[in-house]
Amino acid sequence: MTSAVYLGDVKHRRFAVKEHRFSYPLYMMWVDINNPQQLNGIHKQLGTCGFKALKFQQTDYLTHVPQPNTYSLIERAHHQLAALGVSETFSHVYMLGQLRCLGIYFSPVNFYFFGNSDNSFTYMIAEVSNTPWNERHYYLVPLEKKVNFKKVFSVSPFMNLDMNYHWHVKHSIDKTLIHIENKRDEKLLFDATLRLKRIELTNKEVSKLLKRFPAMTWSIFKGIYHQALKLFIKKVPFLGHSGKP
């Protein structure tokens, strides 16, 4: 499986304290982190070196290890996998996430898929970032089954930590579905759904992406603060970083 782009939409629904929902179109890059150089030569504005409208810069990702610049991204991925309790080494590791756009990197979440063939992945790591605190946390998700664990990382200042995450992930060559539910005592408080379809990474498709989404990272950043303003106007309590009033 070569690097590709996955195009679709993300949907958020809040059911407490006030109902609120939105959806946005977006794309995410599917990058073979064993061979990110595959991105070079497809389009003059896509690549791994120099200034590009879309640039994959390895130092933007998995920055948790000491002196991350001394390790390759594939080494950092397996380091994080081991830190989460899986010591196995996988031959196929892909990232589904955002690239630098016009020199700016911003991504609320990146996903790393681990497997021993292009058609079968065993684990996924979700690299979650929060805004505006710029912290990162990593969740391990075994694939093809529903899993749940306690929320331990503050993502939104409008939502506390007293809840559990329920993850359901389905990934195939053609499409990806990632669905997350936030529950407290089995009561659904919030859910988020990412639905994407694979598109081959060609010169024509990259040109179409740049025309439709000329500044993807900025659009995501703007969307987060736009929705935060709507929650503030609805008088949803602002809880801050700790998730406490």
C-alpha atoms as a PDB file:
ATOM      1  CA  MET A   1       0.000   0.000   0.000  1.00  0.00           C
ATOM      2  CA  THR A   2       1.436   3.352  -0.998  1.00  0.00           C
ATOM      3  CA  SER A   3       0.873   6.699   0.635  1.00  0.00           C
ATOM      4  CA  ALA A   4      -2.533   8.182  -0.164  1.00  0.00           C
ATOM      5  CA  VAL A   5      -5.063  10.771   0.914  1.00  0.00           C
ATOM      6  CA  TYR A   6      -8.283  10.043   2.793  1.00  0.00           C
ATOM      7  CA  LEU A   7     -11.121  12.490   2.156  1.00  0.00           C
ATOM      8  CA  GLY A   8     -14.363  12.823   4.093  1.00  0.00           C
ATOM      9  CA  ASP A   9     -15.787  14.598   7.107  1.00  0.00           C
ATOM     10  CA  VAL A  10     -15.671  14.800  10.878  1.00  0.00           C
ATOM     11  CA  LYS A  11     -18.807  15.167  13.004  1.00  0.00           C
ATOM     12  CA  HIS A  12     -19.104  16.139  16.680  1.00  0.00           C
ATOM     13  CA  ARG A  13     -22.265  15.902  18.779  1.00  0.00           C
ATOM     14  CA  ARG A  14     -22.632  17.149  22.355  1.00  0.00           C
ATOM     15  CA  PHE A  15     -25.643  16.004  24.372  1.00  0.00           C
ATOM     16  CA  ALA A  16     -24.920  17.686  27.746  1.00  0.00           C
ATOM     17  CA  VAL A  17     -24.989  20.437  29.241  1.00  0.00           C
ATOM     18  CA  LYS A  18     -26.384  22.030  26.094  1.00  0.00           C
ATOM     19  CA  GLU A  19     -26.878  20.240  22.808  1.00  0.00           C
ATOM     20  CA  HIS A  20     -24.428  21.237  20.128  1.00  0.00           C
ATOM     21  CA  ARG A  21     -23.309  19.625  16.894  1.00  0.00           C
ATOM     22  CA  PHE A  22     -21.276  20.380  13.812  1.00  0.00           C
ATOM     23  CA  SER A  23     -19.520  18.700  10.908  1.00  0.00           C
ATOM     24  CA  TYR A  24     -16.691  19.751   8.625  1.00  0.00           C
ATOM     25  CA  PRO A  25     -15.181  18.331   5.442  1.00  0.00           C
ATOM     26  CA  LEU A  26     -11.494  17.486   5.680  1.00  0.00           C
ATOM     27  CA  TYR A  27      -8.736  15.296   4.370  1.00  0.00           C
ATOM     28  CA  MET A  28      -5.947  13.427   6.129  1.00  0.00           C
ATOM     29  CA  MET A  29      -2.754  12.093   4.605  1.00  0.00           C
ATOM     30  CA  TRP A  30      -1.933   8.383   4.765  1.00  0.00           C
ATOM     31  CA  VAL A  31       1.857   8.191   4.964  1.00  0.00           C
ATOM     32  CA  ASP A  32       4.121   5.140   5.029  1.00  0.00           C
ATOM     33  CA  ILE A  33       6.491   6.288   7.770  1.00  0.00           C
ATOM     34  CA  ASN A  34       8.982   3.589   6.755  1.00  0.00           C
ATOM     35  CA  ASN A  35       9.231   5.369   3.422  1.00  0.00           C
ATOM     36  CA  PRO A  36       7.912   8.950   3.591  1.00  0.00           C
ATOM     37  CA  GLN A  37      10.024   9.797   0.540  1.00  0.00           C
ATOM     38  CA  GLN A  38       7.168   8.296  -1.486  1.00  0.00           C
ATOM     39  CA  LEU A  39       5.595  11.736  -1.182  1.00  0.00           C
ATOM     40  CA  ASN A  40       8.357  13.330  -3.248  1.00  0.00           C
ATOM     41  CA  GLY A  41       7.884  13.708  -6.981  1.00  0.00           C
ATOM     42  CA  ILE A  42       4.091  13.432  -6.984  1.00  0.00           C
ATOM     43  CA  HIS A  43       3.418  17.180  -7.024  1.00  0.00           C
ATOM     44  CA  LYS A  44       5.707  20.185  -6.849  1.00  0.00           C
ATOM     45  CA  GLN A  45       3.855  21.434  -3.743  1.00  0.00           C
ATOM     46  CA  LEU A  46       4.041  18.127  -1.822  1.00  0.00           C
ATOM     47  CA  GLY A  47       7.138  16.599  -0.290  1.00  0.00           C
ATOM     48  CA  THR A  48       9.505  16.082   2.620  1.00  0.00           C
ATOM     49  CA  CYS A  49      12.108  18.806   2.088  1.00  0.00           C
ATOM     50  CA  GLY A  50      12.248  22.496   1.262  1.00  0.00           C
ATOM     51  CA  PHE A  51       9.222  24.767   1.427  1.00  0.00           C
ATOM     52  CA  LYS A  52       6.069  23.083   0.145  1.00  0.00           C
ATOM     53  CA  ALA A  53       2.385  23.931   0.415  1.00  0.00           C
ATOM     54  CA  LEU A  54       2.072  20.423   1.924  1.00  0.00           C
ATOM     55  CA  LYS A  55       5.156  19.161   3.731  1.00  0.00           C
ATOM     56  CA  PHE A  56       5.715  16.031   5.786  1.00  0.00           C
ATOM     57  CA  GLN A  57       8.216  16.964   8.495  1.00  0.00           C
ATOM     58  CA  GLN A  58       9.039  14.022  10.751  1.00  0.00           C
ATOM     59  CA  THR A  59       9.916  16.201  13.752  1.00  0.00           C
ATOM     60  CA  ASP A  60       6.271  17.346  13.999  1.00  0.00           C
ATOM     61  CA  TYR A  61       5.152  13.919  15.209  1.00  0.00           C
ATOM     62  CA  LEU A  62       5.611  11.689  18.270  1.00  0.00           C
ATOM     63  CA  THR A  63       7.777  14.219  20.072  1.00  0.00           C
ATOM     64  CA  HIS A  64       7.460  12.473  23.450  1.00  0.00           C
ATOM     65  CA  VAL A  65      10.898  10.824  23.519  1.00  0.00           C
ATOM     66  CA  PRO A  66      13.972  12.667  24.861  1.00  0.00           C
ATOM     67  CA  GLN A  67      15.869  14.307  21.995  1.00  0.00           C
ATOM     68  CA  PRO A  68      13.335  13.187  19.368  1.00  0.00           C
ATOM     69  CA  ASN A  69      15.512  14.505  16.545  1.00  0.00           C
ATOM     70  CA  THR A  70      18.008  11.693  17.223  1.00  0.00           C
ATOM     71  CA  TYR A  71      15.421   9.013  16.391  1.00  0.00           C
ATOM     72  CA  SER A  72      13.552   8.327  13.171  1.00  0.00           C
ATOM     73  CA  LEU A  73       9.773   8.545  13.191  1.00  0.00           C
ATOM     74  CA  ILE A  74       9.444   4.774  12.823  1.00  0.00           C
ATOM     75  CA  GLU A  75      11.680   4.329  15.888  1.00  0.00           C
ATOM     76  CA  ARG A  76       9.598   6.811  17.871  1.00  0.00           C
ATOM     77  CA  ALA A  77       6.402   5.019  16.813  1.00  0.00           C
ATOM     78  CA  HIS A  78       7.651   1.676  18.135  1.00  0.00           C
ATOM     79  CA  HIS A  79       8.979   3.384  21.271  1.00  0.00           C
ATOM     80  CA  GLN A  80       5.511   4.750  21.985  1.00  0.00           C
ATOM     81  CA  LEU A  81       3.912   1.393  21.211  1.00  0.00           C
ATOM     82  CA  ALA A  82       6.218  -0.258  23.759  1.00  0.00           C
ATOM     83  CA  ALA A  83       5.472   2.470  26.307  1.00  0.00           C
ATOM     84  CA  LEU A  84       1.791   1.556  25.933  1.00  0.00           C
ATOM     85  CA  GLY A  85       2.490  -2.112  26.592  1.00  0.00           C
ATOM     86  CA  VAL A  86       3.101  -3.694  23.169  1.00  0.00           C
ATOM     87  CA  SER A  87       6.693  -4.842  22.614  1.00  0.00           C
ATOM     88  CA  GLU A  88       6.130  -6.360  19.161  1.00  0.00           C
ATOM     89  CA  THR A  89       7.809  -4.755  16.157  1.00  0.00           C
ATOM     90  CA  PHE A  90       5.660  -4.302  13.053  1.00  0.00           C
ATOM     91  CA  SER A  91       6.866  -4.107   9.464  1.00  0.00           C
ATOM     92  CA  HIS A  92       4.056  -1.847   8.253  1.00  0.00           C
ATOM     93  CA  VAL A  93       3.406   1.440  10.058  1.00  0.00           C
ATOM     94  CA  TYR A  94       1.301   4.209   8.537  1.00  0.00           C
ATOM     95  CA  MET A  95       0.276   7.610   9.825  1.00  0.00           C
ATOM     96  CA  LEU A  96      -3.150   9.082   9.135  1.00  0.00           C
ATOM     97  CA  GLY A  97      -2.883  12.769   9.968  1.00  0.00           C
ATOM     98  CA  GLN A  98      -2.150  16.315   8.919  1.00  0.00           C
ATOM     99  CA  LEU A  99       0.950  17.605   7.152  1.00  0.00           C
ATOM    100  CA  ARG A 100       2.446  21.046   7.447  1.00  0.00           C
ATOM    101  CA  CYS A 101       0.361  23.419   5.350  1.00  0.00           C
ATOM    102  CA  LEU A 102       2.026  26.610   4.112  1.00  0.00           C
ATOM    103  CA  GLY A 103       4.690  26.103   6.770  1.00  0.00           C
ATOM    104  CA  ILE A 104       2.227  25.661   9.654  1.00  0.00           C
ATOM    105  CA  TYR A 105       1.730  22.406  11.538  1.00  0.00           C
ATOM    106  CA  PHE A 106      -1.472  21.934  13.525  1.00  0.00           C
ATOM    107  CA  SER A 107      -3.300  18.664  14.138  1.00  0.00           C
ATOM    108  CA  PRO A 108      -5.734  17.821  16.957  1.00  0.00           C
ATOM    109  CA  VAL A 109      -5.140  14.106  16.397  1.00  0.00           C
ATOM    110  CA  ASN A 110      -2.936  11.819  14.325  1.00  0.00           C
ATOM    111  CA  PHE A 111      -3.436   8.065  14.035  1.00  0.00           C
ATOM    112  CA  TYR A 112      -0.678   5.465  13.649  1.00  0.00           C
ATOM    113  CA  PHE A 113      -1.593   2.028  12.300  1.00  0.00           C
ATOM    114  CA  PHE A 114       0.641  -0.983  13.030  1.00  0.00           C
ATOM    115  CA  GLY A 115       0.528  -4.277  11.146  1.00  0.00           C
ATOM    116  CA  ASN A 116       2.534  -6.868   9.246  1.00  0.00           C
ATOM    117  CA  SER A 117       0.758  -6.444   5.930  1.00  0.00           C
ATOM    118  CA  ASP A 118      -0.868  -3.603   4.031  1.00  0.00           C
ATOM    119  CA  ASN A 119      -4.293  -5.188   4.399  1.00  0.00           C
ATOM    120  CA  SER A 120      -4.285  -6.040   8.093  1.00  0.00           C
ATOM    121  CA  PHE A 121      -3.463  -3.803  11.043  1.00  0.00           C
ATOM    122  CA  THR A 122      -3.420  -4.902  14.665  1.00  0.00           C
ATOM    123  CA  TYR A 123      -3.084  -1.715  16.691  1.00  0.00           C
ATOM    124  CA  MET A 124      -3.683   1.985  16.354  1.00  0.00           C
ATOM    125  CA  ILE A 125      -2.145   4.763  18.438  1.00  0.00           C
ATOM    126  CA  ALA A 126      -4.080   8.021  18.660  1.00  0.00           C
ATOM    127  CA  GLU A 127      -1.771  10.998  19.228  1.00  0.00           C
ATOM    128  CA  VAL A 128      -4.120  13.583  20.750  1.00  0.00           C
ATOM    129  CA  SER A 129      -3.176  17.255  21.127  1.00  0.00           C
ATOM    130  CA  ASN A 130      -5.083  19.861  23.089  1.00  0.00           C
ATOM    131  CA  THR A 131      -5.669  23.515  22.315  1.00  0.00           C
ATOM    132  CA  PRO A 132      -4.459  25.982  23.515  1.00  0.00           C
ATOM    133  CA  TRP A 133      -2.147  24.093  25.904  1.00  0.00           C
ATOM    134  CA  ASN A 134      -0.215  22.272  23.180  1.00  0.00           C
ATOM    135  CA  GLU A 135       0.111  19.052  25.178  1.00  0.00           C
ATOM    136  CA  ARG A 136      -0.009  15.536  23.752  1.00  0.00           C
ATOM    137  CA  HIS A 137      -1.334  12.234  25.005  1.00  0.00           C
ATOM    138  CA  TYR A 138      -1.300   8.765  23.458  1.00  0.00           C
ATOM    139  CA  TYR A 139      -4.046   6.137  23.478  1.00  0.00           C
ATOM    140  CA  LEU A 140      -3.557   2.541  22.332  1.00  0.00           C
ATOM    141  CA  VAL A 141      -6.537   1.083  20.465  1.00  0.00           C
ATOM    142  CA  PRO A 142      -6.619  -2.614  19.477  1.00  0.00           C
ATOM    143  CA  LEU A 143      -8.332  -2.708  16.098  1.00  0.00           C
ATOM    144  CA  GLU A 144     -11.482  -4.452  14.924  1.00  0.00           C
ATOM    145  CA  LYS A 145     -13.105  -4.460  18.332  1.00  0.00           C
ATOM    146  CA  LYS A 146     -14.727  -1.911  20.591  1.00  0.00           C
ATOM    147  CA  VAL A 147     -12.579  -0.782  23.514  1.00  0.00           C
ATOM    148  CA  ASN A 148     -13.071   1.685  26.327  1.00  0.00           C
ATOM    149  CA  PHE A 149     -10.901   3.398  28.892  1.00  0.00           C
ATOM    150  CA  LYS A 150     -11.058   6.306  31.281  1.00  0.00           C
ATOM    151  CA  LYS A 151     -10.509   9.797  29.946  1.00  0.00           C
ATOM    152  CA  VAL A 152      -7.274  11.077  31.507  1.00  0.00           C
ATOM    153  CA  PHE A 153      -6.309  13.964  29.229  1.00  0.00           C
ATOM    154  CA  SER A 154      -7.989  17.352  29.042  1.00  0.00           C
ATOM    155  CA  VAL A 155      -8.888  18.179  25.443  1.00  0.00           C
ATOM    156  CA  SER A 156     -11.694  20.735  25.637  1.00  0.00           C
ATOM    157  CA  PRO A 157     -12.051  23.410  28.345  1.00  0.00           C
ATOM    158  CA  PHE A 158     -15.807  22.852  28.031  1.00  0.00           C
ATOM    159  CA  MET A 159     -15.685  19.193  29.089  1.00  0.00           C
ATOM    160  CA  ASN A 160     -14.369  17.535  32.236  1.00  0.00           C
ATOM    161  CA  LEU A 161     -12.450  14.283  32.735  1.00  0.00           C
ATOM    162  CA  ASP A 162     -15.166  12.386  34.586  1.00  0.00           C
ATOM    163  CA  MET A 163     -16.112  10.053  31.736  1.00  0.00           C
ATOM    164  CA  ASN A 164     -14.962   7.062  29.712  1.00  0.00           C
ATOM    165  CA  TYR A 165     -13.945   6.854  26.065  1.00  0.00           C
ATOM    166  CA  HIS A 166     -15.516   4.119  23.931  1.00  0.00           C
ATOM    167  CA  TRP A 167     -13.613   3.599  20.671  1.00  0.00           C
ATOM    168  CA  HIS A 168     -14.681   1.774  17.538  1.00  0.00           C
ATOM    169  CA  VAL A 169     -12.322   1.723  14.552  1.00  0.00           C
ATOM    170  CA  LYS A 170     -12.772   0.133  11.137  1.00  0.00           C
ATOM    171  CA  HIS A 171     -10.014   0.545   8.592  1.00  0.00           C
ATOM    172  CA  SER A 172      -9.735  -0.944   5.122  1.00  0.00           C
ATOM    173  CA  ILE A 173      -7.843  -0.115   1.955  1.00  0.00           C
ATOM    174  CA  ASP A 174     -10.807   1.910   0.697  1.00  0.00           C
ATOM    175  CA  LYS A 175     -12.161   3.665   3.777  1.00  0.00           C
ATOM    176  CA  THR A 176     -11.721   4.448   7.451  1.00  0.00           C
ATOM    177  CA  LEU A 177     -14.261   4.910  10.225  1.00  0.00           C
ATOM    178  CA  ILE A 178     -13.230   6.116  13.680  1.00  0.00           C
ATOM    179  CA  HIS A 179     -16.057   6.596  16.173  1.00  0.00           C
ATOM    180  CA  ILE A 180     -15.559   7.763  19.767  1.00  0.00           C
ATOM    181  CA  GLU A 181     -18.220   8.027  22.449  1.00  0.00           C
ATOM    182  CA  ASN A 182     -17.790   9.810  25.784  1.00  0.00           C
ATOM    183  CA  LYS A 183     -19.964   8.224  28.460  1.00  0.00           C
ATOM    184  CA  ARG A 184     -20.551   8.592  32.179  1.00  0.00           C
ATOM    185  CA  ASP A 185     -22.415   5.728  33.859  1.00  0.00           C
ATOM    186  CA  GLU A 186     -23.416   4.534  30.370  1.00  0.00           C
ATOM    187  CA  LYS A 187     -25.004   7.898  29.586  1.00  0.00           C
ATOM    188  CA  LEU A 188     -23.832   9.290  26.249  1.00  0.00           C
ATOM    189  CA  LEU A 189     -22.466  12.812  26.702  1.00  0.00           C
ATOM    190  CA  PHE A 190     -20.593  13.343  23.455  1.00  0.00           C
ATOM    191  CA  ASP A 191     -19.519  11.530  20.321  1.00  0.00           C
ATOM    192  CA  ALA A 192     -17.224  12.168  17.387  1.00  0.00           C
ATOM    193  CA  THR A 193     -17.169  10.366  14.052  1.00  0.00           C
ATOM    194  CA  LEU A 194     -14.521  10.486  11.351  1.00  0.00           C
ATOM    195  CA  ARG A 195     -15.509   8.981   7.974  1.00  0.00           C
ATOM    196  CA  LEU A 196     -12.925   8.948   5.205  1.00  0.00           C
ATOM    197  CA  LYS A 197     -12.525   7.380   1.766  1.00  0.00           C
ATOM    198  CA  ARG A 198      -9.198   6.640   0.151  1.00  0.00           C
ATOM    199  CA  ILE A 199      -8.058   8.568  -2.914  1.00  0.00           C
ATOM    200  CA  GLU A 200      -4.867   7.761  -4.788  1.00  0.00           C
ATOM    201  CA  LEU A 201      -2.180  10.376  -4.333  1.00  0.00           C
ATOM    202  CA  THR A 202      -1.610  11.769  -7.825  1.00  0.00           C
ATOM    203  CA  ASN A 203      -0.580  15.132  -9.203  1.00  0.00           C
ATOM    204  CA  LYS A 204      -4.171  15.813 -10.237  1.00  0.00           C
ATOM    205  CA  GLU A 205      -5.635  14.886  -6.835  1.00  0.00           C
ATOM    206  CA  VAL A 206      -3.110  17.019  -4.931  1.00  0.00           C
ATOM    207  CA  SER A 207      -3.987  19.992  -7.147  1.00  0.00           C
ATOM    208  CA  LYS A 208      -7.678  19.420  -6.410  1.00  0.00           C
ATOM    209  CA  LEU A 209      -6.984  19.243  -2.659  1.00  0.00           C
ATOM    210  CA  LEU A 210      -4.992  22.469  -2.679  1.00  0.00           C
ATOM    211  CA  LYS A 211      -7.775  24.193  -4.594  1.00  0.00           C
ATOM    212  CA  ARG A 212     -10.553  22.953  -2.291  1.00  0.00           C
ATOM    213  CA  PHE A 213      -8.555  23.197   0.964  1.00  0.00           C
ATOM    214  CA  PRO A 214      -5.876  25.848   0.385  1.00  0.00           C
ATOM    215  CA  ALA A 215      -5.036  26.025   4.113  1.00  0.00           C
ATOM    216  CA  MET A 216      -6.211  22.828   5.830  1.00  0.00           C
ATOM    217  CA  THR A 217      -4.393  23.366   9.143  1.00  0.00           C
ATOM    218  CA  TRP A 218      -5.674  26.933   9.418  1.00  0.00           C
ATOM    219  CA  SER A 219      -9.216  25.751   8.663  1.00  0.00           C
ATOM    220  CA  ILE A 220      -9.012  23.204  11.507  1.00  0.00           C
ATOM    221  CA  PHE A 221      -7.596  25.779  13.924  1.00  0.00           C
ATOM    222  CA  LYS A 222     -10.251  28.343  12.985  1.00  0.00           C
ATOM    223  CA  GLY A 223     -13.002  25.735  13.276  1.00  0.00           C
ATOM    224  CA  ILE A 224     -11.991  24.800  16.835  1.00  0.00           C
ATOM    225  CA  TYR A 225     -12.179  28.381  18.057  1.00  0.00           C
ATOM    226  CA  HIS A 226     -15.358  29.069  16.109  1.00  0.00           C
ATOM    227  CA  GLN A 227     -17.110  26.173  17.845  1.00  0.00           C
ATOM    228  CA  ALA A 228     -15.656  27.226  21.217  1.00  0.00           C
ATOM    229  CA  LEU A 229     -17.219  30.655  20.723  1.00  0.00           C
ATOM    230  CA  LYS A 230     -20.583  29.035  19.994  1.00  0.00           C
ATOM    231  CA  LEU A 231     -20.350  26.994  23.218  1.00  0.00           C
ATOM    232  CA  PHE A 232     -19.473  30.141  25.142  1.00  0.00           C
ATOM    233  CA  ILE A 233     -22.491  31.949  23.665  1.00  0.00           C
ATOM    234  CA  LYS A 234     -24.675  28.984  24.675  1.00  0.00           C
ATOM    235  CA  LYS A 235     -23.314  29.446  28.231  1.00  0.00           C
ATOM    236  CA  VAL A 236     -21.747  26.021  28.439  1.00  0.00           C
ATOM    237  CA  PRO A 237     -19.543  26.207  31.575  1.00  0.00           C
ATOM    238  CA  PHE A 238     -15.884  26.961  30.882  1.00  0.00           C
ATOM    239  CA  LEU A 239     -13.910  24.448  32.946  1.00  0.00           C
ATOM    240  CA  GLY A 240     -10.356  25.280  31.964  1.00  0.00           C
ATOM    241  CA  HIS A 241      -7.463  22.868  31.688  1.00  0.00           C
ATOM    242  CA  SER A 242      -8.224  20.734  34.728  1.00  0.00           C
ATOM    243  CA  GLY A 243     -11.805  20.074  33.700  1.00  0.00           C
ATOM    244  CA  LYS A 244     -13.009  21.653  36.953  1.00  0.00           C
ATOM    245  CA  PRO A 245     -15.061  24.870  37.311  1.00  0.00           C
END
